[in-house]
Protein backbone atom coordinates (compact mmCIF):
# COMPACT_ATOMS: atom_id res chain seq x y z
CA MET A 1 8.34 -34.76 25.22
CA ILE A 2 4.58 -34.39 25.11
CA SER A 3 2.57 -33.70 22.00
CA GLY A 4 -1.16 -33.87 21.58
CA GLY A 5 -1.52 -35.49 25.00
CA MET A 6 0.97 -38.29 24.26
CA ILE A 7 4.36 -38.94 25.84
CA ASP A 8 7.02 -40.71 23.81
CA GLN A 9 8.07 -44.23 24.73
CA LEU A 10 11.60 -43.21 25.73
CA THR A 11 10.22 -40.90 28.43
CA VAL A 12 8.00 -43.72 29.70
CA GLU A 13 10.93 -46.14 29.81
CA ARG A 14 13.15 -43.65 31.62
CA PHE A 15 10.41 -42.93 34.14
CA ARG A 16 9.96 -46.60 34.97
CA ALA A 17 13.70 -47.24 35.21
CA ASP A 18 14.59 -44.08 37.15
CA GLY A 19 11.38 -43.47 39.10
CA HIS A 20 11.12 -39.93 37.72
CA ALA A 21 11.07 -38.00 34.45
CA VAL A 22 10.69 -34.52 33.02
CA VAL A 23 7.82 -33.88 30.63
CA HIS A 24 8.57 -30.79 28.56
CA GLY A 25 5.86 -28.41 27.41
CA LEU A 26 3.09 -30.00 29.46
CA ALA A 27 1.50 -26.56 29.81
CA SER A 28 2.03 -23.62 27.47
CA ARG A 29 3.38 -20.29 28.63
CA GLY A 30 -0.07 -18.87 28.03
CA ASP A 31 -1.61 -21.53 30.25
CA ILE A 32 0.89 -20.80 33.01
CA ASP A 33 0.20 -17.06 32.78
CA GLY A 34 -3.46 -17.89 33.38
CA TYR A 35 -2.76 -20.36 36.19
CA ARG A 36 -0.53 -18.14 38.32
CA PRO A 37 -3.04 -15.54 39.56
CA VAL A 38 -5.61 -18.25 40.36
CA ILE A 39 -3.15 -20.32 42.38
CA GLU A 40 -1.55 -17.27 44.01
CA ARG A 41 -5.00 -16.13 45.18
CA ALA A 42 -5.70 -19.54 46.73
CA VAL A 43 -2.37 -19.56 48.55
CA ARG A 44 -2.87 -16.01 49.83
CA GLU A 45 -6.40 -16.62 51.11
CA VAL A 46 -5.58 -19.85 52.95
CA ALA A 47 -2.35 -18.40 54.38
CA GLN A 48 -4.28 -15.41 55.74
CA ARG A 49 -6.67 -17.79 57.55
CA ASN A 50 -3.69 -19.66 59.05
CA ASP A 51 -5.55 -22.89 58.26
CA PRO A 52 -3.46 -26.08 58.83
CA GLN A 53 -5.89 -28.03 56.56
CA GLY A 54 -5.69 -31.14 58.70
CA ARG A 55 -1.91 -31.48 58.55
CA ILE A 56 0.03 -32.70 61.58
CA ASP A 57 3.48 -31.71 60.26
CA ASP A 58 4.51 -28.05 60.12
CA TYR A 59 6.50 -27.22 56.99
CA SER A 60 6.09 -23.45 57.31
CA ARG A 61 9.85 -22.90 57.49
CA LEU A 62 10.17 -24.63 54.11
CA PHE A 63 7.20 -23.29 52.16
CA THR A 64 3.63 -22.05 52.21
CA GLN A 65 1.54 -25.13 51.50
CA VAL A 66 -2.11 -25.12 50.42
CA THR A 67 -3.83 -28.43 49.77
CA ASN A 68 -6.81 -29.19 47.52
CA ILE A 69 -7.00 -25.82 45.84
CA TRP A 70 -9.43 -27.53 43.43
CA ARG A 71 -12.10 -27.22 46.11
CA LEU A 72 -11.64 -23.48 46.57
CA ASP A 73 -13.02 -22.18 43.27
CA GLU A 74 -13.90 -23.24 39.75
CA GLY A 75 -10.77 -21.73 38.23
CA ALA A 76 -8.53 -23.79 40.49
CA ARG A 77 -10.62 -26.88 39.77
CA ARG A 78 -10.12 -26.50 36.02
CA ILE A 79 -6.35 -26.26 36.50
CA VAL A 80 -6.00 -29.31 38.75
CA PHE A 81 -8.38 -31.34 36.58
CA ALA A 82 -6.58 -30.42 33.33
CA ARG A 83 -6.74 -33.47 31.09
CA PRO A 84 -3.14 -33.34 29.76
CA PHE A 85 -1.83 -33.67 33.32
CA ALA A 86 -3.90 -36.76 34.05
CA VAL A 87 -3.14 -38.27 30.63
CA ALA A 88 0.58 -37.90 31.35
CA ALA A 89 0.19 -39.52 34.77
CA ALA A 90 -1.72 -42.50 33.36
CA ARG A 91 0.73 -42.95 30.51
CA LEU A 92 3.75 -42.92 32.81
CA LEU A 93 2.14 -45.33 35.29
CA GLY A 94 0.97 -47.60 32.46
CA VAL A 95 -2.63 -47.70 33.71
CA PRO A 96 -5.93 -47.05 31.91
CA SER A 97 -7.35 -44.72 34.54
CA VAL A 98 -6.17 -42.46 37.36
CA ARG A 99 -7.83 -40.80 40.33
CA LEU A 100 -6.84 -37.65 42.18
CA TYR A 101 -5.35 -38.13 45.65
CA HIS A 102 -4.89 -34.44 46.29
CA ASP A 103 -3.16 -31.33 44.97
CA GLN A 104 -0.79 -28.92 46.71
CA ALA A 105 0.38 -25.42 45.94
CA LEU A 106 3.92 -25.20 47.31
CA PHE A 107 5.38 -21.70 47.45
CA LYS A 108 8.96 -21.61 48.77
CA PRO A 109 9.90 -18.04 49.74
CA ALA A 110 13.29 -16.48 49.16
CA GLY A 111 15.75 -17.67 51.79
CA ALA A 112 13.83 -20.84 52.70
CA ALA A 113 15.88 -23.91 53.55
CA ARG A 114 16.25 -27.01 51.40
CA THR A 115 13.54 -29.67 51.49
CA PRO A 116 14.94 -32.82 53.19
CA TRP A 117 15.22 -36.18 51.49
CA HIS A 118 11.97 -38.12 51.84
CA GLN A 119 9.61 -40.59 50.20
CA ASP A 120 6.02 -39.56 49.43
CA ARG A 121 4.30 -42.90 49.85
CA TYR A 122 5.18 -42.89 53.55
CA TYR A 123 2.26 -40.47 53.92
CA TRP A 124 -0.33 -42.26 51.79
CA PRO A 125 -2.64 -45.08 53.00
CA LEU A 126 -2.91 -46.52 49.49
CA ASP A 127 -2.39 -50.22 48.79
CA THR A 128 -0.41 -49.74 45.56
CA ASP A 129 2.94 -48.63 44.18
CA LEU A 130 1.16 -47.01 41.23
CA THR A 131 1.21 -43.46 42.55
CA VAL A 132 2.82 -40.45 40.91
CA THR A 133 3.34 -36.80 41.78
CA MET A 134 3.41 -34.07 39.16
CA TRP A 135 5.57 -31.03 40.09
CA LEU A 136 4.66 -28.14 37.80
CA PRO A 137 6.59 -24.85 38.21
CA LEU A 138 4.65 -21.66 37.58
CA LEU A 139 7.80 -19.72 36.72
CA ASP A 140 11.27 -20.68 35.52
CA VAL A 141 13.03 -22.45 38.42
CA THR A 142 16.76 -21.73 38.36
CA GLU A 143 19.43 -23.60 40.31
CA GLU A 144 19.33 -20.79 42.89
CA MET A 145 15.61 -21.27 43.46
CA GLY A 146 15.94 -24.92 44.54
CA PRO A 147 14.74 -27.33 41.84
CA MET A 148 13.82 -30.95 42.54
CA ILE A 149 16.58 -33.46 43.33
CA PHE A 150 15.99 -37.16 42.61
CA ALA A 151 17.85 -40.31 43.64
CA SER A 152 17.42 -42.27 40.41
CA GLY A 153 16.41 -45.90 40.89
CA SER A 154 15.64 -45.50 44.60
CA HIS A 155 12.05 -46.65 44.04
CA ARG A 156 13.39 -50.15 43.32
CA VAL A 157 14.96 -50.74 46.75
CA LYS A 158 13.58 -51.01 50.26
CA VAL A 159 14.51 -47.88 52.17
CA PRO A 160 15.17 -48.66 55.84
CA GLY A 161 13.69 -46.69 58.70
CA ASP A 162 11.64 -43.51 58.74
CA VAL A 163 11.24 -41.67 55.42
CA ALA A 164 9.21 -38.66 56.61
CA ILE A 165 10.36 -35.08 56.12
CA SER A 166 12.70 -34.18 58.99
CA GLU A 167 16.26 -33.02 59.53
CA GLY A 168 17.27 -36.28 61.22
CA THR A 169 15.80 -38.40 58.46
CA ASP A 170 17.45 -36.15 55.89
CA GLN A 171 20.93 -36.89 57.20
CA ARG A 172 20.32 -40.64 57.36
CA LEU A 173 18.78 -40.78 53.89
CA ALA A 174 21.61 -38.69 52.45
CA ARG A 175 24.05 -41.32 53.74
CA PHE A 176 21.82 -44.09 52.33
CA VAL A 177 21.66 -42.43 48.90
CA GLU A 178 25.44 -42.08 48.85
CA ALA A 179 26.02 -45.67 49.99
CA GLN A 180 23.65 -47.02 47.33
CA ARG A 181 25.36 -44.87 44.69
CA PHE A 182 22.10 -43.69 43.21
CA PRO A 183 22.67 -41.14 40.45
CA ILE A 184 21.57 -37.70 41.68
CA ILE A 185 19.53 -35.82 39.09
CA THR A 186 18.65 -32.15 39.39
CA GLY A 187 18.71 -28.98 37.34
CA PRO A 188 16.73 -25.90 36.37
CA ILE A 189 13.30 -26.35 34.87
CA SER A 190 11.16 -24.01 32.81
CA ALA A 191 7.62 -22.90 33.60
CA GLY A 192 5.20 -25.29 31.90
CA ASP A 193 7.59 -28.23 32.01
CA ALA A 194 6.89 -30.72 34.79
CA THR A 195 8.64 -33.45 36.71
CA PHE A 196 6.82 -36.65 37.60
CA HIS A 197 8.04 -39.05 40.28
CA LEU A 198 6.78 -42.28 41.79
CA GLY A 199 5.67 -42.39 45.40
CA GLY A 200 8.65 -44.61 46.22
CA THR A 201 11.32 -42.34 44.71
CA LEU A 202 13.58 -40.60 47.20
CA HIS A 203 13.74 -36.90 46.46
CA SER A 204 14.49 -33.51 47.94
CA ALA A 205 14.80 -29.93 46.72
CA GLY A 206 17.37 -27.21 47.13
CA ALA A 207 17.17 -24.09 49.28
CA ASN A 208 15.76 -20.99 47.63
CA ARG A 209 18.86 -18.80 47.38
CA SER A 210 17.19 -16.38 44.97
CA ASP A 211 15.22 -13.21 45.73
CA ARG A 212 11.94 -14.64 44.36
CA THR A 213 9.36 -17.07 45.68
CA ARG A 214 9.50 -20.47 43.98
CA GLU A 215 5.91 -21.16 42.90
CA VAL A 216 4.88 -24.76 42.17
CA LEU A 217 1.66 -26.73 41.75
CA THR A 218 1.78 -30.42 42.57
CA VAL A 219 -0.92 -32.99 41.80
CA ILE A 220 -0.85 -36.57 43.08
CA TYR A 221 -2.49 -39.37 41.08
CA TYR A 222 -3.00 -43.08 41.69
CA ALA A 223 -4.29 -45.98 39.64
CA ALA A 224 -8.09 -46.22 39.70
CA GLY A 225 -9.19 -49.40 41.48
CA THR A 226 -6.60 -48.99 44.23
CA ARG A 227 -7.77 -49.98 47.71
CA VAL A 228 -7.17 -48.25 51.00
CA ALA A 229 -4.44 -49.76 53.17
CA VAL A 230 -4.46 -50.03 56.95
CA PRO A 231 -2.62 -46.87 58.07
CA ALA A 232 0.98 -47.68 58.97
CA ASN A 233 1.71 -44.42 60.85
CA ASP A 234 -0.01 -41.31 62.19
CA ASN A 235 0.49 -39.42 58.94
CA GLN A 236 -1.34 -42.12 57.00
CA ARG A 237 -4.11 -42.16 59.60
CA VAL A 238 -4.65 -38.41 59.21
CA ASP A 239 -4.38 -38.63 55.42
CA SER A 240 -7.01 -41.36 55.41
CA GLU A 241 -9.41 -39.17 57.37
CA VAL A 242 -8.74 -36.01 55.36
CA PHE A 243 -8.30 -37.28 51.80
CA LEU A 244 -10.31 -40.52 51.84
CA PRO A 245 -13.23 -39.60 54.12
CA GLY A 246 -15.59 -42.44 54.93
CA VAL A 247 -13.53 -45.10 53.13
CA LYS A 248 -12.35 -48.04 55.25
CA PRO A 249 -9.20 -50.16 54.77
CA GLY A 250 -9.82 -52.78 52.10
CA GLU A 251 -12.40 -50.67 50.28
CA GLU A 252 -11.73 -48.96 46.98
CA ALA A 253 -10.05 -45.55 47.40
CA ALA A 254 -12.94 -43.73 45.77
CA SER A 255 -14.36 -41.01 48.02
CA GLU A 256 -15.89 -37.76 46.80
CA MET A 257 -12.42 -36.26 47.26
CA ASN A 258 -10.90 -38.63 44.70
CA PRO A 259 -12.56 -38.13 41.32
CA VAL A 260 -11.41 -40.02 38.25
CA LEU A 261 -9.42 -37.50 36.19
CA TYR A 262 -8.71 -39.81 33.26
CA PRO A 263 -10.43 -41.00 31.16
């Protein structure tokens, strides 16, 4: 639970043991009501331009994805930079300061397929394990809408092979998750609650079997002071160019795109 910008110790301990946690009441219903039209407008405008935003993977069959909405207008910037979000990220990671890697609005339309098992840090040229993604629903996400699915404890083992989002990888990782006997955690989540997961945590999400679009804002944070790693794959190479412009491997990951959000 969060109160006054603080997360209780039990939530912190569960996050570090499991690689993920739910933080209840991170944003109020009133906040969410204010966020939705701002984020919906950003998604609509970018989708109409058919702008790939530097991505090399096409996830259009899974969701409409808009990255770095904070750069589109001041309202979106205030949402992404909201202090309680960054405070929660720093508290869970156990670090004194966090930077923004990037945000994403992920809108999964009715009928869209499930999101395959994957691992986020595969995409990030960051020389640290201290990365965390916040997944904040903008409306109540029921089982039918496809909530997040986590393989608890998977951040503590080396995952063999490719961990990018693909159907082939999904099948292999599903077998790996079963063989490792990781507890599978999922369930509905209310608007204003948020899940947080480490970059090394295997996760997926269900198909949207409802008649509504599943609307989510994600924000990725990492420990301030982190350095840029040599890209290990094409996705990391592109991410380095797009989200860490002008920063070379070995240098601090501190471009104009990566402001300190806490403190």
